C-alpha cells in the first residue's frame, strides 16, 4: 500500500534529484557561453571572436568524439563503474585546475 502511495506522488525525491543534477549538468556544459563578455573584455583576456569560438567548440567536440567509446565502455563494464570513473576523473580535473597559476 505504501509503494502505491509513493508512485502516485508527483514530486518524489528521485524526480527532484534528477531535476537538480540535470540542471547542474547543463549549467556546467554551457558555462563558457556565459563567460563570453569576460573573455572578450579588453581588461581581462581580450580574446578575438575566433578564439572564443574555439573555446566554445572544444567541450562540444570532446563530447561528440567521446560519446560512442564511453557508451561502449559503459556497456562492457557497467554503468555504476563508469559513473565512479567519471567522478574520479572530475575530481582529478578539479585538483589539477586548482593548481594552475593563471586561467
N, C-alpha and C. Protein backbone atom coordinates (compact mmCIF):
# COMPACT_ATOMS: atom_id res chain seq x y z
N UNK A 1 0.81 -1.19 0.00
CA UNK A 1 0.00 0.00 0.00
C UNK A 1 0.86 1.27 0.00
N UNK A 2 1.97 1.22 0.72
CA UNK A 2 2.85 2.38 0.79
C UNK A 2 3.55 2.63 -0.54
N UNK A 3 3.90 1.57 -1.27
CA UNK A 3 4.55 1.75 -2.56
C UNK A 3 3.62 2.39 -3.58
N UNK A 4 2.31 2.09 -3.49
CA UNK A 4 1.35 2.73 -4.38
C UNK A 4 1.26 4.22 -4.08
N UNK A 5 1.31 4.57 -2.81
CA UNK A 5 1.25 5.97 -2.42
C UNK A 5 2.49 6.72 -2.90
N UNK A 6 3.65 6.07 -2.85
CA UNK A 6 4.89 6.69 -3.28
C UNK A 6 4.89 6.92 -4.79
N UNK A 7 4.40 5.98 -5.57
CA UNK A 7 4.41 6.11 -7.02
C UNK A 7 3.41 7.15 -7.52
N UNK A 8 2.40 7.46 -6.72
CA UNK A 8 1.41 8.45 -7.13
C UNK A 8 1.87 9.87 -6.87
N UNK A 9 2.90 10.04 -6.08
CA UNK A 9 3.40 11.37 -5.76
C UNK A 9 4.05 12.00 -7.00
N UNK A 10 3.67 13.23 -7.29
CA UNK A 10 4.20 13.91 -8.46
C UNK A 10 5.65 14.35 -8.23
N UNK A 11 5.92 14.90 -7.06
CA UNK A 11 7.27 15.36 -6.74
C UNK A 11 7.93 14.38 -5.77
N UNK A 12 8.45 13.32 -6.31
CA UNK A 12 9.15 12.36 -5.47
C UNK A 12 10.60 12.81 -5.29
N UNK A 13 11.28 12.21 -4.33
CA UNK A 13 12.68 12.52 -4.07
C UNK A 13 13.53 12.24 -5.30
N UNK A 14 13.28 11.12 -5.98
CA UNK A 14 14.05 10.75 -7.16
C UNK A 14 13.92 11.79 -8.27
N UNK A 15 12.71 12.28 -8.48
CA UNK A 15 12.47 13.27 -9.52
C UNK A 15 13.18 14.58 -9.20
N UNK A 16 13.17 14.98 -7.95
CA UNK A 16 13.83 16.22 -7.56
C UNK A 16 15.33 16.11 -7.75
N UNK A 17 15.92 14.98 -7.34
CA UNK A 17 17.37 14.78 -7.51
C UNK A 17 17.72 14.76 -8.98
N UNK A 18 16.94 14.09 -9.80
CA UNK A 18 17.20 14.05 -11.24
C UNK A 18 17.11 15.44 -11.86
N UNK A 19 16.13 16.23 -11.44
CA UNK A 19 15.99 17.58 -11.99
C UNK A 19 17.17 18.47 -11.61
N UNK A 20 17.62 18.36 -10.36
CA UNK A 20 18.75 19.18 -9.91
C UNK A 20 20.03 18.78 -10.64
N UNK A 21 20.31 17.49 -10.73
CA UNK A 21 21.54 17.05 -11.40
C UNK A 21 21.49 17.37 -12.89
N UNK A 22 20.31 17.28 -13.50
CA UNK A 22 20.17 17.62 -14.91
C UNK A 22 20.45 19.10 -15.13
N UNK A 23 19.92 19.94 -14.24
CA UNK A 23 20.15 21.38 -14.34
C UNK A 23 21.64 21.71 -14.17
N UNK A 24 22.27 21.10 -13.18
CA UNK A 24 23.69 21.36 -12.97
C UNK A 24 24.54 20.88 -14.13
N UNK A 25 24.17 19.75 -14.71
CA UNK A 25 24.90 19.24 -15.87
C UNK A 25 24.85 20.23 -17.01
N UNK A 26 23.67 20.74 -17.33
CA UNK A 26 23.57 21.70 -18.43
C UNK A 26 24.19 23.05 -18.08
N UNK A 27 24.12 23.44 -16.83
CA UNK A 27 24.74 24.70 -16.44
C UNK A 27 26.25 24.64 -16.63
N UNK A 28 26.87 23.53 -16.24
CA UNK A 28 28.31 23.42 -16.38
C UNK A 28 28.73 23.18 -17.83
N UNK A 29 27.86 22.56 -18.62
CA UNK A 29 28.21 22.35 -20.02
C UNK A 29 28.13 23.64 -20.83
N UNK A 30 27.31 24.57 -20.41
CA UNK A 30 27.12 25.80 -21.17
C UNK A 30 27.69 27.03 -20.48
N UNK A 31 28.49 26.85 -19.44
CA UNK A 31 29.01 28.00 -18.69
C UNK A 31 29.94 28.85 -19.55
N UNK A 32 30.63 28.27 -20.51
CA UNK A 32 31.57 29.05 -21.32
C UNK A 32 30.86 30.12 -22.15
N UNK A 33 29.62 29.89 -22.55
CA UNK A 33 28.90 30.92 -23.30
C UNK A 33 28.56 32.11 -22.41
N UNK A 34 28.33 31.87 -21.13
CA UNK A 34 28.06 32.97 -20.21
C UNK A 34 29.32 33.79 -19.94
N UNK A 35 30.47 33.20 -20.18
CA UNK A 35 31.74 33.89 -19.94
C UNK A 35 32.23 34.70 -21.14
N UNK A 36 31.50 34.68 -22.25
CA UNK A 36 31.95 35.39 -23.45
C UNK A 36 32.26 36.86 -23.21
N UNK A 37 31.39 37.62 -22.51
CA UNK A 37 31.73 39.04 -22.28
C UNK A 37 33.03 39.22 -21.50
N UNK A 38 33.30 38.34 -20.55
CA UNK A 38 34.53 38.45 -19.77
C UNK A 38 35.73 38.10 -20.64
N UNK A 39 35.59 37.06 -21.47
CA UNK A 39 36.69 36.67 -22.34
C UNK A 39 36.97 37.72 -23.41
N UNK A 40 35.96 38.44 -23.82
CA UNK A 40 36.09 39.45 -24.87
C UNK A 40 36.59 40.78 -24.31
N UNK A 41 36.41 41.01 -23.03
CA UNK A 41 36.75 42.27 -22.40
C UNK A 41 38.24 42.59 -22.53
N UNK A 42 38.58 43.82 -22.94
CA UNK A 42 39.99 44.19 -23.06
C UNK A 42 40.70 44.25 -21.70
N UNK A 43 39.95 44.41 -20.63
CA UNK A 43 40.55 44.46 -19.30
C UNK A 43 40.95 43.08 -18.79
N UNK A 44 40.29 42.05 -19.28
CA UNK A 44 40.56 40.70 -18.78
C UNK A 44 41.45 39.91 -19.74
N UNK A 45 40.87 39.31 -20.77
CA UNK A 45 41.63 38.43 -21.66
C UNK A 45 41.82 38.99 -23.06
N UNK A 46 40.88 39.84 -23.52
CA UNK A 46 40.97 40.47 -24.84
C UNK A 46 41.10 39.43 -25.95
N UNK A 47 40.25 38.42 -25.93
CA UNK A 47 40.28 37.38 -26.96
C UNK A 47 39.45 37.79 -28.16
N UNK A 48 39.82 37.30 -29.32
CA UNK A 48 39.05 37.56 -30.54
C UNK A 48 37.84 36.61 -30.57
N UNK A 49 36.92 36.91 -31.48
CA UNK A 49 35.75 36.04 -31.62
C UNK A 49 36.15 34.63 -32.07
N UNK A 50 37.17 34.55 -32.88
CA UNK A 50 37.64 33.24 -33.33
C UNK A 50 38.19 32.43 -32.14
N UNK A 51 38.95 33.05 -31.28
CA UNK A 51 39.48 32.36 -30.11
C UNK A 51 38.36 31.94 -29.15
N UNK A 52 37.38 32.81 -28.97
CA UNK A 52 36.25 32.48 -28.12
C UNK A 52 35.45 31.33 -28.73
N UNK A 53 35.31 31.33 -30.05
CA UNK A 53 34.62 30.24 -30.72
C UNK A 53 35.32 28.90 -30.54
N UNK A 54 36.64 28.92 -30.56
CA UNK A 54 37.40 27.69 -30.30
C UNK A 54 37.20 27.21 -28.87
N UNK A 55 37.19 28.13 -27.93
CA UNK A 55 36.94 27.76 -26.54
C UNK A 55 35.55 27.14 -26.39
N UNK A 56 34.57 27.69 -27.09
CA UNK A 56 33.21 27.17 -27.01
C UNK A 56 33.07 25.83 -27.72
N UNK A 57 33.87 25.58 -28.75
CA UNK A 57 33.73 24.36 -29.54
C UNK A 57 34.41 23.15 -28.90
N UNK A 58 35.44 23.37 -28.11
CA UNK A 58 36.22 22.24 -27.56
C UNK A 58 35.36 21.30 -26.70
N UNK A 59 34.58 21.79 -25.73
CA UNK A 59 33.78 20.84 -24.93
C UNK A 59 32.77 20.05 -25.76
N UNK A 60 32.12 20.72 -26.70
CA UNK A 60 31.14 20.02 -27.52
C UNK A 60 31.81 19.01 -28.46
N UNK A 61 32.97 19.36 -28.97
CA UNK A 61 33.71 18.44 -29.83
C UNK A 61 34.16 17.21 -29.04
N UNK A 62 34.67 17.42 -27.85
CA UNK A 62 35.08 16.29 -27.00
C UNK A 62 33.89 15.40 -26.66
N UNK A 63 32.75 16.01 -26.38
CA UNK A 63 31.55 15.23 -26.07
C UNK A 63 31.13 14.40 -27.28
N UNK A 64 31.17 14.99 -28.46
CA UNK A 64 30.79 14.26 -29.67
C UNK A 64 31.75 13.12 -29.98
N UNK A 65 33.03 13.36 -29.80
CA UNK A 65 34.03 12.33 -30.13
C UNK A 65 34.02 11.20 -29.11
N UNK A 66 33.85 11.54 -27.83
CA UNK A 66 33.97 10.54 -26.78
C UNK A 66 32.67 9.84 -26.39
N UNK A 67 31.53 10.26 -26.93
CA UNK A 67 30.27 9.67 -26.51
C UNK A 67 30.13 8.19 -26.91
N UNK A 68 30.55 7.83 -28.11
CA UNK A 68 30.42 6.43 -28.54
C UNK A 68 31.39 5.52 -27.78
N UNK A 69 32.69 5.86 -27.67
CA UNK A 69 33.57 4.99 -26.86
C UNK A 69 33.13 4.89 -25.40
N UNK A 70 32.63 5.98 -24.83
CA UNK A 70 32.17 5.93 -23.45
C UNK A 70 30.95 5.02 -23.31
N UNK A 71 30.05 5.08 -24.27
CA UNK A 71 28.90 4.19 -24.26
C UNK A 71 29.30 2.73 -24.37
N UNK A 72 30.28 2.45 -25.22
CA UNK A 72 30.78 1.07 -25.35
C UNK A 72 31.42 0.59 -24.05
N UNK A 73 32.20 1.46 -23.41
CA UNK A 73 32.80 1.10 -22.12
C UNK A 73 31.74 0.89 -21.05
N UNK A 74 30.70 1.69 -21.08
CA UNK A 74 29.61 1.53 -20.13
C UNK A 74 28.89 0.21 -20.33
N UNK A 75 28.72 -0.19 -21.58
CA UNK A 75 28.10 -1.49 -21.85
C UNK A 75 28.99 -2.64 -21.38
N UNK A 76 30.28 -2.48 -21.52
CA UNK A 76 31.21 -3.54 -21.17
C UNK A 76 31.41 -3.66 -19.66
N UNK A 77 31.62 -2.53 -18.97
CA UNK A 77 31.96 -2.57 -17.55
C UNK A 77 30.80 -2.27 -16.61
N UNK A 78 29.72 -1.76 -17.13
CA UNK A 78 28.57 -1.42 -16.29
C UNK A 78 28.51 0.06 -15.99
N UNK A 79 27.31 0.54 -15.82
CA UNK A 79 27.12 1.98 -15.64
C UNK A 79 27.63 2.47 -14.29
N UNK A 80 27.51 1.66 -13.25
CA UNK A 80 27.97 2.11 -11.93
C UNK A 80 29.48 2.33 -11.91
N UNK A 81 30.23 1.44 -12.54
CA UNK A 81 31.68 1.62 -12.59
C UNK A 81 32.05 2.84 -13.43
N UNK A 82 31.32 3.08 -14.51
CA UNK A 82 31.61 4.23 -15.35
C UNK A 82 31.27 5.55 -14.64
N UNK A 83 30.21 5.55 -13.84
CA UNK A 83 29.89 6.75 -13.06
C UNK A 83 31.00 7.01 -12.04
N UNK A 84 31.51 5.95 -11.43
CA UNK A 84 32.62 6.09 -10.48
C UNK A 84 33.86 6.64 -11.18
N UNK A 85 34.18 6.11 -12.35
CA UNK A 85 35.32 6.61 -13.13
C UNK A 85 35.10 8.08 -13.49
N UNK A 86 33.90 8.44 -13.86
CA UNK A 86 33.58 9.82 -14.22
C UNK A 86 33.80 10.76 -13.04
N UNK A 87 33.37 10.35 -11.87
CA UNK A 87 33.55 11.18 -10.68
C UNK A 87 35.04 11.32 -10.36
N UNK A 88 35.79 10.22 -10.46
CA UNK A 88 37.23 10.28 -10.18
C UNK A 88 37.93 11.21 -11.17
N UNK A 89 37.59 11.12 -12.45
CA UNK A 89 38.20 12.00 -13.45
C UNK A 89 37.83 13.46 -13.19
N UNK A 90 36.58 13.72 -12.80
CA UNK A 90 36.16 15.09 -12.50
C UNK A 90 36.92 15.64 -11.29
N UNK A 91 37.12 14.81 -10.27
CA UNK A 91 37.86 15.25 -9.09
C UNK A 91 39.32 15.52 -9.46
N UNK A 92 39.93 14.63 -10.24
CA UNK A 92 41.30 14.85 -10.66
C UNK A 92 41.44 16.12 -11.49
N UNK A 93 40.48 16.36 -12.38
CA UNK A 93 40.49 17.59 -13.17
C UNK A 93 40.36 18.83 -12.31
N UNK A 94 39.52 18.76 -11.28
CA UNK A 94 39.37 19.90 -10.38
C UNK A 94 40.65 20.14 -9.58
N UNK A 95 41.29 19.06 -9.16
CA UNK A 95 42.55 19.19 -8.41
C UNK A 95 43.64 19.81 -9.30
N UNK A 96 43.75 19.32 -10.52
CA UNK A 96 44.75 19.85 -11.45
C UNK A 96 44.45 21.32 -11.76
N UNK A 97 43.18 21.65 -11.99
CA UNK A 97 42.82 23.03 -12.30
C UNK A 97 43.09 23.95 -11.12
N UNK A 98 42.94 23.43 -9.91
CA UNK A 98 43.18 24.28 -8.73
C UNK A 98 44.65 24.63 -8.55
N UNK A 99 45.53 23.88 -9.19
CA UNK A 99 46.96 24.13 -9.06
C UNK A 99 47.49 25.08 -10.13
N UNK A 100 46.63 25.51 -11.04
CA UNK A 100 47.06 26.41 -12.11
C UNK A 100 47.36 27.80 -11.55
N UNK A 101 48.38 28.42 -12.12
CA UNK A 101 48.76 29.76 -11.68
C UNK A 101 47.93 30.86 -12.36
N UNK A 102 47.40 30.56 -13.56
CA UNK A 102 46.57 31.52 -14.27
C UNK A 102 45.52 30.77 -15.08
N UNK A 103 44.49 31.46 -15.54
CA UNK A 103 43.42 30.80 -16.27
C UNK A 103 43.90 30.18 -17.56
